[in-house]
Amino acid sequence: MNNTAGSAEFAAADWFKSSYSAADNECVEVARSLSRVGIRDSKTPVRGVVTLAVDAFAQFVNAVRS
């Protein structure tokens, strides 16, 4: 895991959040680069980006689903 505040890798990324997100915008957003997935707070995106390797993010999502 890497906390990369203001990461240039994700500066122009297309961020999205789950369709299950609350209407009051309390959720996280994700974006994908070639090798990493960026995760940030939707309320304060300027605070930074936490990144995971694509395979680590997939394992995380699978664990949450099960």
Protein backbone atom coordinates (compact mmCIF):
# COMPACT_ATOMS: atom_id res chain seq x y z
CA MET A 1 0.00 0.00 0.00
CA ASN A 2 1.17 3.50 -0.72
CA ASN A 3 -0.23 6.85 0.40
CA THR A 4 0.64 9.24 -2.39
CA ALA A 5 -0.87 12.65 -1.67
CA GLY A 6 -1.29 14.49 -4.96
CA SER A 7 -0.05 11.53 -6.96
CA ALA A 8 0.68 12.59 -10.54
CA GLU A 9 -0.27 9.09 -11.65
CA PHE A 10 -3.89 9.76 -10.69
CA ALA A 11 -4.10 13.53 -11.29
CA ALA A 12 -6.05 13.16 -14.55
CA ALA A 13 -7.70 9.84 -13.71
CA ASP A 14 -11.38 9.09 -14.20
CA TRP A 15 -12.61 8.60 -10.63
CA PHE A 16 -15.82 6.72 -9.89
CA LYS A 17 -17.81 5.48 -6.94
CA SER A 18 -20.17 2.62 -6.43
CA SER A 19 -23.78 2.90 -7.52
CA TYR A 20 -24.55 1.82 -3.94
CA SER A 21 -23.06 5.03 -2.56
CA ALA A 22 -25.15 7.17 -0.27
CA ALA A 23 -26.79 10.28 -1.69
CA ASP A 24 -24.93 12.47 0.80
CA ASN A 25 -21.61 11.60 -0.88
CA GLU A 26 -20.12 9.65 2.05
CA CYS A 27 -18.03 7.12 0.22
CA VAL A 28 -14.72 6.44 -1.41
CA GLU A 29 -13.81 6.81 -5.07
CA VAL A 30 -11.50 4.59 -7.08
CA ALA A 31 -9.49 5.03 -10.25
CA ARG A 32 -7.23 2.63 -12.12
CA SER A 33 -3.87 3.12 -13.77
CA LEU A 34 -1.98 0.43 -15.65
CA SER A 35 -0.54 -1.15 -12.53
CA ARG A 36 -2.32 0.37 -9.52
CA VAL A 37 -5.73 1.27 -8.15
CA GLY A 38 -6.12 4.61 -6.41
CA ILE A 39 -8.57 5.06 -3.55
CA ARG A 40 -9.60 8.43 -2.10
CA ASP A 41 -12.24 10.04 0.09
CA SER A 42 -15.01 11.49 -2.07
CA LYS A 43 -15.58 14.38 0.34
CA THR A 44 -11.95 15.50 0.49
CA PRO A 45 -10.14 14.17 -2.58
CA VAL A 46 -7.27 16.65 -2.16
CA ARG A 47 -6.16 14.95 1.06
CA GLY A 48 -4.42 12.23 -0.90
CA VAL A 49 -4.65 8.91 -2.64
CA VAL A 50 -4.00 5.47 -1.22
CA THR A 51 -2.81 3.09 -3.91
CA LEU A 52 -2.79 -0.68 -4.15
CA ALA A 53 -1.42 -3.03 -6.76
CA VAL A 54 -4.23 -4.17 -9.07
CA ASP A 55 -4.05 -7.76 -7.80
CA ALA A 56 -4.11 -6.64 -4.16
CA PHE A 57 -7.19 -4.52 -4.83
CA ALA A 58 -8.90 -7.49 -6.52
CA GLN A 59 -8.16 -9.66 -3.48
CA PHE A 60 -9.58 -6.95 -1.21
CA VAL A 61 -12.81 -6.69 -3.24
CA ASN A 62 -13.21 -10.48 -3.30
CA ALA A 63 -12.73 -10.66 0.47
CA VAL A 64 -15.34 -7.96 1.04
CA ARG A 65 -17.82 -9.73 -1.23
CA SER A 66 -17.47 -13.03 0.65
